Amino acid sequence: MSSWIEELHFPHLEIPVTIDRTFSVMPAGPIPTTHGQSLYLSNLDNMVGSRVFTPTVYFYPSNHHKPVIKTLRNALSSVLVPYYPFAGRLRETKNGKLEVFFGPEQGALMVEAHSEIALTDLGDLTVPNPAWMPLIFRFPNEEPYKLLDMPLLIAQVTLFSCGGFSIGLRLCHCLCDGLGAMQFIRSWAATAKEGKLVTNPVPCWDREFFKPREPPLVKFPHIEFMRIEDRSNLTASISQAQPIQKCYRISHNFQSWLKTLAQKDETTPCSTFDAMAAHIWRSWVKALDVKPLDYELRLTFSVNARQKLKNPPLKEGFYGNAICVACVTTTVSELINGSLFDTARLVRDARQGITEEYVKSTVDYVEVDMPRRLEFGGKLTITQWTRFSLYESADFGWGRPLYAGPIDLTPTPQVCVFLPEGQSGSGGAMVVCLCLPEFATDKFTGVFNMIDSDIENVDASKS
């Protein structure tokens, strides 16, 4: 069983990085807006969970056959014509919502940097490592969660002594969700590789698609946004200790076996995500020894709503936020003493509960009572990146990246990320990353491996 789960380790190191220059990248041609104009952002773009920059890094080996900085800059300039909102800035309107506006001297920001070390000095490039943070540009004394008047795309290109390089990206989540970001990066990469503008599909802004109804009609309780009194030891356990990032490679065999346990029979359909989310949530709560037992916990995760929107459907090429937050609630006692089947069923029901009407209700809820802060009470959030074409989308002409994905989860220790396995021929493996206080790490690993768990009391041989 434990051979199906491999704990991944990353080196603790310091990466010396020198910033050589920063410069704005403007659209290479005319765009359909002028200085002083603005663009509407939907209520899904405005949700508090979208008001962040999403940092990612891409590593490439030393097989250069064209200049890195020039190639990336020219391609970005070309792509900023159809994706012109990335050249704008955010500002607040009177009701506290955000919009994209256009003024002089804006554009995306590109940063040229170098390091005296080689890519091989970074160790394992298949595991996200918090030590990589110097490869992502941040302004001196930049405030956390600062969005207003910031470049909406920041790209730091760091050249290593071996000839390899990294692209550290910060994309504003207000402009795109994960699938939208992949669409943009795929266009930028293809343009760099082909030496001419490639947009497939043609990008579509169309944020007015998610205009609220008049009057707004909130049909659901939207517990995903509700503030819950934090009378448990969960948040204190996490906040009072330095969180440690843990990563595990999960084989396809383990995923299939877990799904078999969670499904029980063919009359109760269960996805791999349902089973994995349920097992991780239970393992996390058991490892943290959450008290009291009657405390109500929440598990949240994003659901792509694109295929659920039928009347009318979203236009092809839409790259904005089209996700809703699903929420599962249960008590500590029910979670740790119940079965994997029961928890997976709760996850499945919450996932399937994101319907077209739920999306409309979410838009109207934000219109009536826009949440102003993230709520962490009793909550674990799972983010599924396995559905993103992280590696396939990022061939800028230097081949598939050695690694593509996030870096550091410790600033958001109640978030767990599912990542695609970057190595070719991985056989459907995924990488799971989450944060734990030191006292809980060994227990989590044991429970997660089912070493000391009695889930279903089913012998592994039955898989």
Protein backbone atom coordinates (compact mmCIF):
# COMPACT_ATOMS: atom_id res chain seq x y z
CA MET A 1 0.00 0.00 0.00
CA SER A 2 2.64 2.53 1.04
CA SER A 3 4.49 1.92 -2.24
CA TRP A 4 1.52 3.51 -3.97
CA ILE A 5 2.23 6.79 -2.12
CA GLU A 6 5.69 8.34 -2.21
CA GLU A 7 6.54 11.23 0.06
CA LEU A 8 8.55 13.77 -1.93
CA HIS A 9 11.31 15.85 -0.38
CA PHE A 10 12.76 19.13 -1.56
CA PRO A 11 16.05 20.75 -0.50
CA HIS A 12 16.17 23.81 1.73
CA LEU A 13 18.39 26.21 -0.15
CA GLU A 14 18.99 29.84 -0.97
CA ILE A 15 18.85 30.98 -4.57
CA PRO A 16 20.96 34.06 -5.31
CA VAL A 17 19.10 36.14 -7.87
CA THR A 18 20.16 39.47 -9.35
CA ILE A 19 17.54 41.66 -11.02
CA ASP A 20 19.16 43.15 -14.13
CA ARG A 21 16.30 45.29 -15.42
CA THR A 22 12.54 45.71 -15.44
CA PHE A 23 10.56 47.01 -18.37
CA SER A 24 6.97 47.37 -19.53
CA VAL A 25 5.67 45.31 -22.43
CA MET A 26 2.99 47.08 -24.44
CA PRO A 27 0.63 45.60 -27.03
CA ALA A 28 2.35 45.37 -30.42
CA GLY A 29 -0.58 46.95 -32.24
CA PRO A 30 -3.86 48.80 -31.78
CA ILE A 31 -6.27 47.52 -29.13
CA PRO A 32 -10.05 48.16 -28.94
CA THR A 33 -9.86 50.65 -26.07
CA THR A 34 -8.37 54.06 -25.35
CA HIS A 35 -6.94 55.86 -22.35
CA GLY A 36 -9.62 56.58 -19.78
CA GLN A 37 -11.87 53.68 -20.77
CA SER A 38 -12.66 50.75 -18.50
CA LEU A 39 -13.90 47.15 -18.73
CA TYR A 40 -16.56 45.49 -16.59
CA LEU A 41 -15.52 42.65 -14.30
CA SER A 42 -18.18 40.14 -13.31
CA ASN A 43 -19.18 39.25 -9.77
CA LEU A 44 -17.28 35.96 -10.21
CA ASP A 45 -14.17 37.99 -11.09
CA ASN A 46 -14.84 40.17 -8.04
CA MET A 47 -15.21 37.37 -5.50
CA VAL A 48 -12.84 37.71 -2.58
CA GLY A 49 -11.05 34.48 -3.52
CA SER A 50 -10.24 35.92 -6.96
CA ARG A 51 -8.64 39.09 -5.60
CA VAL A 52 -5.13 37.65 -5.61
CA PHE A 53 -2.14 37.11 -7.87
CA THR A 54 -1.49 33.46 -8.69
CA PRO A 55 2.27 32.76 -8.75
CA THR A 56 3.65 29.92 -10.86
CA VAL A 57 7.09 28.98 -12.15
CA TYR A 58 8.28 27.13 -15.27
CA PHE A 59 11.79 25.65 -15.64
CA TYR A 60 13.53 24.97 -18.97
CA PRO A 61 16.88 23.25 -19.65
CA SER A 62 19.77 24.72 -21.61
CA ASN A 63 18.82 23.97 -25.21
CA HIS A 64 18.56 27.52 -26.49
CA HIS A 65 18.40 28.07 -30.20
CA LYS A 66 16.99 31.60 -29.99
CA PRO A 67 17.38 34.48 -27.53
CA VAL A 68 15.19 33.91 -24.49
CA ILE A 69 14.32 37.44 -23.36
CA LYS A 70 13.76 38.84 -26.85
CA THR A 71 11.63 35.87 -27.91
CA LEU A 72 9.42 36.01 -24.81
CA ARG A 73 9.08 39.81 -24.91
CA ASN A 74 8.13 39.97 -28.59
CA ALA A 75 5.63 37.13 -28.23
CA LEU A 76 4.07 38.72 -25.15
CA SER A 77 3.76 42.04 -26.95
CA SER A 78 1.96 40.30 -29.82
CA VAL A 79 -0.38 38.36 -27.52
CA LEU A 80 -1.28 41.52 -25.57
CA VAL A 81 -3.18 42.74 -28.63
CA PRO A 82 -5.98 40.14 -28.41
CA TYR A 83 -5.47 39.81 -24.64
CA TYR A 84 -5.31 43.57 -24.15
CA PRO A 85 -6.96 43.60 -20.66
CA PHE A 86 -3.67 42.24 -19.25
CA ALA A 87 -2.11 45.56 -20.25
CA GLY A 88 -4.54 47.51 -18.05
CA ARG A 89 -4.83 48.11 -14.31
CA LEU A 90 -7.47 47.54 -11.65
CA ARG A 91 -9.34 50.26 -9.81
CA GLU A 92 -12.27 50.31 -7.43
CA THR A 93 -15.67 51.66 -8.40
CA LYS A 94 -18.04 53.38 -6.00
CA ASN A 95 -19.59 50.14 -4.75
CA GLY A 96 -16.21 48.59 -3.93
CA LYS A 97 -16.13 46.38 -7.01
CA LEU A 98 -13.17 46.26 -9.35
CA GLU A 99 -12.88 47.15 -13.01
CA VAL A 100 -10.06 47.18 -15.54
CA PHE A 101 -9.08 50.66 -16.70
CA PHE A 102 -6.59 51.89 -19.28
CA GLY A 103 -4.21 54.79 -18.86
CA PRO A 104 -0.82 55.87 -20.20
CA GLU A 105 2.38 53.99 -19.36
CA GLN A 106 0.70 50.74 -18.34
CA GLY A 107 1.31 47.36 -20.00
CA ALA A 108 2.56 44.08 -18.57
CA LEU A 109 5.80 43.98 -16.57
CA MET A 110 8.77 41.85 -17.58
CA VAL A 111 11.78 41.36 -15.33
CA GLU A 112 15.18 40.16 -16.53
CA ALA A 113 17.27 38.43 -13.85
CA HIS A 114 20.16 36.01 -13.54
CA SER A 115 21.59 33.57 -11.02
CA GLU A 116 25.14 32.26 -10.65
CA ILE A 117 23.95 28.74 -9.90
CA ALA A 118 22.84 26.01 -12.30
CA LEU A 119 19.44 24.34 -12.54
CA THR A 120 20.99 21.14 -11.17
CA ASP A 121 21.82 23.02 -7.96
CA LEU A 122 18.08 23.38 -7.30
CA GLY A 123 17.64 19.67 -6.68
CA ASP A 124 14.40 17.89 -7.53
CA LEU A 125 12.46 20.03 -10.02
CA THR A 126 9.33 17.89 -9.83
CA VAL A 127 8.26 19.10 -6.38
CA PRO A 128 7.09 22.66 -5.57
CA ASN A 129 9.70 24.25 -3.30
CA PRO A 130 9.16 27.43 -1.21
CA ALA A 131 12.85 28.21 -1.76
CA TRP A 132 11.99 29.12 -5.37
CA MET A 133 10.25 32.34 -4.30
CA PRO A 134 13.15 34.60 -5.47
CA LEU A 135 12.22 33.51 -9.01
CA ILE A 136 8.92 35.43 -8.67
CA PHE A 137 9.14 39.24 -8.79
CA ARG A 138 7.60 41.29 -6.03
CA PHE A 139 7.94 45.03 -5.64
CA PRO A 140 9.97 46.26 -2.64
CA ASN A 141 7.68 46.59 0.40
CA GLU A 142 4.73 45.32 -1.62
CA GLU A 143 1.66 44.93 0.57
CA PRO A 144 -0.01 41.51 0.78
CA TYR A 145 -3.03 41.16 -1.53
CA LYS A 146 -2.22 44.46 -3.25
CA LEU A 147 -4.07 44.64 -6.58
CA LEU A 148 -4.90 48.25 -7.34
CA ASP A 149 -2.61 49.96 -9.85
CA MET A 150 -0.48 46.81 -10.14
CA PRO A 151 0.58 45.29 -13.48
CA LEU A 152 -1.87 42.46 -14.09
CA LEU A 153 0.83 40.23 -15.56
CA ILE A 154 4.34 40.11 -14.09
CA ALA A 155 6.88 37.79 -15.71
CA GLN A 156 10.37 37.31 -14.26
CA VAL A 157 12.79 35.49 -16.56
CA THR A 158 15.80 34.20 -14.61
CA LEU A 159 18.79 32.94 -16.59
CA PHE A 160 20.95 30.31 -14.83
CA SER A 161 24.67 29.74 -15.29
CA CYS A 162 24.07 26.46 -17.13
CA GLY A 163 22.02 28.17 -19.83
CA GLY A 164 18.71 26.99 -18.42
CA PHE A 165 16.11 29.48 -17.30
CA SER A 166 12.86 29.91 -15.41
CA ILE A 167 9.75 31.96 -16.08
CA GLY A 168 8.14 33.13 -12.86
CA LEU A 169 4.60 34.36 -13.51
CA ARG A 170 2.14 36.34 -11.46
CA LEU A 171 -1.27 36.56 -13.12
CA CYS A 172 -4.15 38.49 -11.58
CA HIS A 173 -6.90 35.99 -10.77
CA CYS A 174 -9.56 38.68 -11.36
CA LEU A 175 -8.86 38.45 -15.09
CA CYS A 176 -8.80 34.67 -15.48
CA ASP A 177 -9.43 31.41 -13.69
CA GLY A 178 -7.11 28.44 -14.07
CA LEU A 179 -8.49 27.32 -17.43
CA GLY A 180 -8.42 30.93 -18.67
CA ALA A 181 -4.80 31.26 -17.58
CA MET A 182 -3.93 28.09 -19.52
CA GLN A 183 -5.60 29.54 -22.61
CA PHE A 184 -3.53 32.73 -22.31
CA ILE A 185 -0.23 30.92 -21.64
CA ARG A 186 -0.88 28.50 -24.51
CA SER A 187 -1.32 31.45 -26.88
CA TRP A 188 1.82 33.21 -25.59
CA ALA A 189 3.87 30.00 -25.83
CA ALA A 190 2.62 29.10 -29.32
CA THR A 191 3.32 32.66 -30.52
CA ALA A 192 6.87 32.46 -29.19
CA LYS A 193 7.41 29.05 -30.77
CA GLU A 194 5.92 29.90 -34.18
CA GLY A 195 7.26 33.46 -34.42
CA LYS A 196 3.78 34.78 -35.29
CA LEU A 197 0.58 35.45 -33.37
CA VAL A 198 -1.37 32.29 -32.51
CA THR A 199 -4.79 32.50 -30.86
CA ASN A 200 -6.76 29.29 -30.75
CA PRO A 201 -9.41 29.89 -29.62
CA VAL A 202 -9.76 33.62 -30.19
CA PRO A 203 -10.02 35.21 -26.71
CA CYS A 204 -13.42 36.49 -25.61
CA TRP A 205 -13.90 39.02 -22.76
CA ASP A 206 -17.74 39.06 -22.44
CA ARG A 207 -17.87 39.50 -18.63
CA GLU A 208 -21.36 40.93 -19.03
CA PHE A 209 -22.47 37.30 -19.46
CA PHE A 210 -22.49 37.12 -15.65
CA LYS A 211 -24.47 40.29 -15.01
CA PRO A 212 -26.73 39.88 -11.95
CA ARG A 213 -30.46 39.56 -12.39
CA GLU A 214 -32.77 42.49 -11.70
CA PRO A 215 -33.77 42.17 -8.97
CA PRO A 216 -31.15 39.69 -7.67
CA LEU A 217 -32.53 36.27 -6.80
CA VAL A 218 -30.51 34.30 -4.23
CA LYS A 219 -31.98 30.80 -4.17
CA PHE A 220 -29.35 29.01 -2.07
CA PRO A 221 -27.85 29.59 1.40
CA HIS A 222 -24.28 29.81 0.00
CA ILE A 223 -22.61 28.41 3.08
CA GLU A 224 -19.31 28.65 1.20
CA PHE A 225 -19.29 32.37 2.06
CA MET A 226 -20.72 32.26 5.57
CA ARG A 227 -18.59 33.15 8.54
CA ILE A 228 -18.44 30.35 11.09
CA GLU A 229 -17.54 30.95 14.71
CA ASP A 230 -14.12 29.42 15.18
CA ARG A 231 -14.49 27.60 18.47
CA SER A 232 -12.20 24.73 17.53
CA ASN A 233 -8.47 24.27 17.99
CA LEU A 234 -7.93 23.89 14.24
CA THR A 235 -6.99 27.43 13.24
CA ALA A 236 -4.91 27.92 16.41
CA SER A 237 -3.00 24.70 15.75
CA ILE A 238 -2.13 25.89 12.26
CA SER A 239 -1.42 29.56 13.00
CA GLN A 240 0.69 29.08 16.13
CA ALA A 241 3.30 26.94 14.39
CA GLN A 242 5.35 27.46 11.26
CA PRO A 243 3.51 25.42 8.59
CA ILE A 244 5.53 22.77 6.81
CA GLN A 245 4.83 22.04 3.17
CA LYS A 246 4.40 18.32 2.48
CA CYS A 247 4.16 16.72 -0.97
CA TYR A 248 3.20 13.19 -2.01
CA ARG A 249 3.23 11.43 -5.36
CA ILE A 250 0.01 9.42 -5.61
CA SER A 251 0.07 6.52 -8.05
CA HIS A 252 -2.81 5.76 -10.38
CA ASN A 253 -3.20 2.41 -8.59
CA PHE A 254 -3.83 4.11 -5.26
CA GLN A 255 -6.32 6.51 -6.81
CA SER A 256 -8.22 3.60 -8.39
CA TRP A 257 -8.19 1.58 -5.16
CA LEU A 258 -9.42 4.54 -3.14
CA LYS A 259 -12.18 5.19 -5.66
CA THR A 260 -13.26 1.55 -5.36
CA LEU A 261 -13.54 1.89 -1.59
CA ALA A 262 -15.43 5.17 -1.82
CA GLN A 263 -17.84 3.97 -4.47
CA LYS A 264 -18.93 0.72 -2.83
CA ASP A 265 -21.04 -0.30 -5.82
CA GLU A 266 -21.95 0.88 -9.31
CA THR A 267 -25.18 2.50 -8.11
CA THR A 268 -23.24 5.18 -6.21
CA PRO A 269 -21.01 6.88 -8.79
CA CYS A 270 -17.90 8.49 -7.42
CA SER A 271 -15.13 10.39 -9.18
CA THR A 272 -11.44 10.11 -8.38
CA PHE A 273 -11.59 13.67 -7.08
CA ASP A 274 -14.47 12.78 -4.72
CA ALA A 275 -12.50 9.90 -3.23
CA MET A 276 -9.19 11.75 -2.98
CA ALA A 277 -10.76 14.87 -1.48
CA ALA A 278 -12.65 12.82 1.09
CA HIS A 279 -9.59 10.83 2.13
CA ILE A 280 -7.32 13.86 2.38
CA TRP A 281 -9.89 15.83 4.39
CA ARG A 282 -10.34 12.97 6.86
CA SER A 283 -6.58 12.41 7.15
CA TRP A 284 -5.92 16.12 7.67
CA VAL A 285 -8.50 16.46 10.46
CA LYS A 286 -7.32 13.26 12.17
CA ALA A 287 -3.69 14.41 12.06
CA LEU A 288 -4.59 17.80 13.57
CA ASP A 289 -6.67 16.11 16.29
CA VAL A 290 -9.40 18.72 15.92
CA LYS A 291 -11.61 19.38 18.95
CA PRO A 292 -14.43 19.63 19.97
CA LEU A 293 -16.00 16.67 18.22
CA ASP A 294 -19.29 18.46 17.61
CA TYR A 295 -17.57 21.35 15.78
CA GLU A 296 -18.79 21.81 12.20
CA LEU A 297 -16.06 21.65 9.57
CA ARG A 298 -16.06 22.84 5.97
CA LEU A 299 -14.38 21.53 2.86
CA THR A 300 -14.46 23.88 -0.14
CA PHE A 301 -13.31 23.42 -3.72
CA SER A 302 -13.84 25.13 -7.05
CA VAL A 303 -16.04 23.64 -9.75
CA ASN A 304 -15.71 24.62 -13.40
CA ALA A 305 -19.17 25.83 -14.45
CA ARG A 306 -18.51 26.18 -18.20
CA GLN A 307 -20.22 22.98 -19.27
CA LYS A 308 -23.17 23.64 -16.95
CA LEU A 309 -24.11 26.91 -18.64
CA LYS A 310 -26.60 26.04 -21.37
CA ASN A 311 -29.07 28.92 -21.60
CA PRO A 312 -27.17 30.62 -23.10
CA PRO A 313 -23.77 28.89 -23.23
CA LEU A 314 -20.50 30.72 -22.71
CA LYS A 315 -18.78 31.77 -25.91
CA GLU A 316 -15.73 29.84 -27.02
CA GLY A 317 -12.54 31.57 -25.95
CA PHE A 318 -13.99 33.02 -22.74
CA TYR A 319 -11.08 33.21 -20.30
CA GLY A 320 -12.63 34.91 -17.27
CA ASN A 321 -13.68 33.36 -14.00
CA ALA A 322 -16.34 30.72 -14.62
CA ILE A 323 -15.98 28.77 -11.40
CA CYS A 324 -18.18 28.36 -8.35
CA VAL A 325 -17.18 27.26 -4.87
CA ALA A 326 -18.70 23.99 -3.66
CA CYS A 327 -18.91 23.49 0.09
CA VAL A 328 -19.23 20.35 2.23
CA THR A 329 -20.10 20.56 5.94
CA THR A 330 -19.97 17.91 8.64
CA THR A 331 -18.91 17.62 12.27
CA VAL A 332 -15.50 16.45 13.39
CA SER A 333 -17.05 13.30 14.90
CA GLU A 334 -18.98 12.40 11.75
CA LEU A 335 -15.90 12.93 9.61
CA ILE A 336 -13.37 10.91 11.58
CA ASN A 337 -15.76 8.18 12.75
CA GLY A 338 -17.75 7.89 9.55
CA SER A 339 -16.75 5.99 6.44
CA LEU A 340 -14.85 7.08 3.37
CA PHE A 341 -18.00 6.26 1.40
CA ASP A 342 -20.07 8.71 3.46
CA THR A 343 -17.56 11.54 3.08
CA ALA A 344 -17.04 10.94 -0.64
CA ARG A 345 -20.81 11.04 -1.10
CA LEU A 346 -20.91 14.48 0.59
CA VAL A 347 -18.18 15.70 -1.76
CA ARG A 348 -19.97 14.29 -4.79
CA ASP A 349 -23.27 15.88 -3.79
CA ALA A 350 -21.62 19.28 -3.31
CA ARG A 351 -19.86 18.99 -6.66
CA GLN A 352 -23.03 18.02 -8.47
CA GLY A 353 -24.90 20.79 -6.68
CA ILE A 354 -23.09 23.40 -8.80
CA THR A 355 -25.77 23.84 -11.44
CA GLU A 356 -26.57 26.65 -13.84
CA GLU A 357 -29.07 28.02 -11.32
CA TYR A 358 -26.46 27.84 -8.55
CA VAL A 359 -24.06 29.90 -10.67
CA LYS A 360 -26.73 32.57 -11.19
CA SER A 361 -27.55 32.54 -7.48
CA THR A 362 -23.83 33.01 -6.67
CA VAL A 363 -23.63 36.03 -8.96
CA ASP A 364 -26.70 37.53 -7.29
CA TYR A 365 -25.42 36.73 -3.79
CA VAL A 366 -22.20 38.65 -4.45
CA GLU A 367 -24.30 41.52 -5.81
CA VAL A 368 -26.40 41.69 -2.63
CA ASP A 369 -23.77 40.90 0.00
CA MET A 370 -20.25 40.80 -1.44
CA PRO A 371 -17.93 39.02 1.03
CA ARG A 372 -15.05 41.32 2.01
CA ARG A 373 -12.69 38.80 3.56
CA LEU A 374 -11.66 35.18 3.27
CA GLU A 375 -13.09 32.95 5.99
CA PHE A 376 -10.84 30.16 7.28
CA GLY A 377 -12.79 28.96 10.31
CA GLY A 378 -12.90 25.16 10.33
CA LYS A 379 -12.03 25.02 6.66
CA LEU A 380 -9.82 23.09 4.27
CA THR A 381 -9.79 24.20 0.63
CA ILE A 382 -8.72 21.84 -2.15
CA THR A 383 -7.58 23.25 -5.48
CA GLN A 384 -7.50 20.83 -8.40
CA TRP A 385 -4.78 21.67 -10.94
CA THR A 386 -4.73 18.21 -12.50
CA ARG A 387 -7.29 19.35 -15.08
CA PHE A 388 -4.98 22.14 -16.29
CA SER A 389 -2.64 21.54 -19.23
CA LEU A 390 0.28 23.02 -17.30
CA TYR A 391 3.00 21.21 -19.23
CA GLU A 392 1.34 20.89 -22.61
CA SER A 393 0.50 24.61 -22.76
CA ALA A 394 3.95 25.91 -21.89
CA ASP A 395 6.21 24.97 -24.83
CA PHE A 396 7.62 28.36 -25.82
CA GLY A 397 9.97 26.77 -28.32
CA TRP A 398 12.31 25.17 -25.81
CA GLY A 399 10.26 22.04 -25.25
CA ARG A 400 8.12 20.91 -22.36
CA PRO A 401 9.05 22.52 -19.02
CA LEU A 402 10.86 20.44 -16.43
CA TYR A 403 8.36 21.72 -13.89
CA ALA A 404 5.25 23.86 -14.16
CA GLY A 405 3.10 24.90 -11.24
CA PRO A 406 2.93 26.63 -7.86
CA ILE A 407 5.79 27.23 -5.46
CA ASP A 408 4.88 27.95 -1.86
CA LEU A 409 1.69 26.94 -0.07
CA THR A 410 2.78 28.07 3.40
CA PRO A 411 1.16 31.55 3.12
CA THR A 412 -2.19 29.73 2.74
CA PRO A 413 -1.77 26.73 5.07
CA GLN A 414 -5.42 25.64 4.84
CA VAL A 415 -5.13 24.99 1.11
CA CYS A 416 -4.32 21.64 -0.50
CA VAL A 417 -3.34 21.42 -4.19
CA PHE A 418 -3.67 18.49 -6.59
CA LEU A 419 -1.00 18.76 -9.29
CA PRO A 420 -0.38 16.77 -12.46
CA GLU A 421 2.73 14.62 -12.44
CA GLY A 422 5.25 16.40 -14.65
CA GLN A 423 7.29 13.41 -15.77
CA SER A 424 6.32 11.85 -19.08
CA GLY A 425 4.95 8.36 -18.78
CA SER A 426 3.89 8.81 -15.16
CA GLY A 427 0.88 6.57 -15.68
CA GLY A 428 -1.71 8.96 -14.31
CA ALA A 429 0.05 9.80 -11.05
CA MET A 430 -0.69 13.09 -9.29
CA VAL A 431 1.19 15.16 -6.71
CA VAL A 432 -0.68 16.28 -3.59
CA CYS A 433 0.72 19.25 -1.64
CA LEU A 434 -0.54 20.66 1.64
CA CYS A 435 0.74 22.31 4.82
CA LEU A 436 0.80 21.00 8.37
CA PRO A 437 2.29 22.04 11.70
CA GLU A 438 5.30 19.89 12.58
CA PHE A 439 3.49 17.93 15.30
CA ALA A 440 0.97 16.61 12.76
CA THR A 441 3.22 15.66 9.84
CA ASP A 442 4.07 12.08 10.80
CA LYS A 443 0.52 11.30 11.83
CA PHE A 444 -0.85 12.65 8.58
CA THR A 445 1.59 10.55 6.54
CA GLY A 446 0.59 7.46 8.50
CA VAL A 447 -3.16 8.03 8.20
CA PHE A 448 -2.88 9.04 4.56
CA ASN A 449 -1.01 5.81 3.82
CA MET A 450 -3.74 3.98 5.77
CA ILE A 451 -1.04 2.50 8.01
CA ASP A 452 -3.10 3.17 11.12
CA SER A 453 -6.47 3.69 9.45
CA ASP A 454 -9.39 1.28 9.40
CA ILE A 455 -11.20 2.83 6.43
CA GLU A 456 -13.97 0.42 5.49
CA ASN A 457 -11.93 -2.43 6.98
CA VAL A 458 -11.39 -3.50 3.41
CA ASP A 459 -8.27 -5.43 2.54
CA ALA A 460 -6.18 -3.88 -0.22
CA SER A 461 -6.21 -7.17 -2.09
CA LYS A 462 -9.85 -6.62 -2.98
CA SER A 463 -8.84 -3.88 -5.39
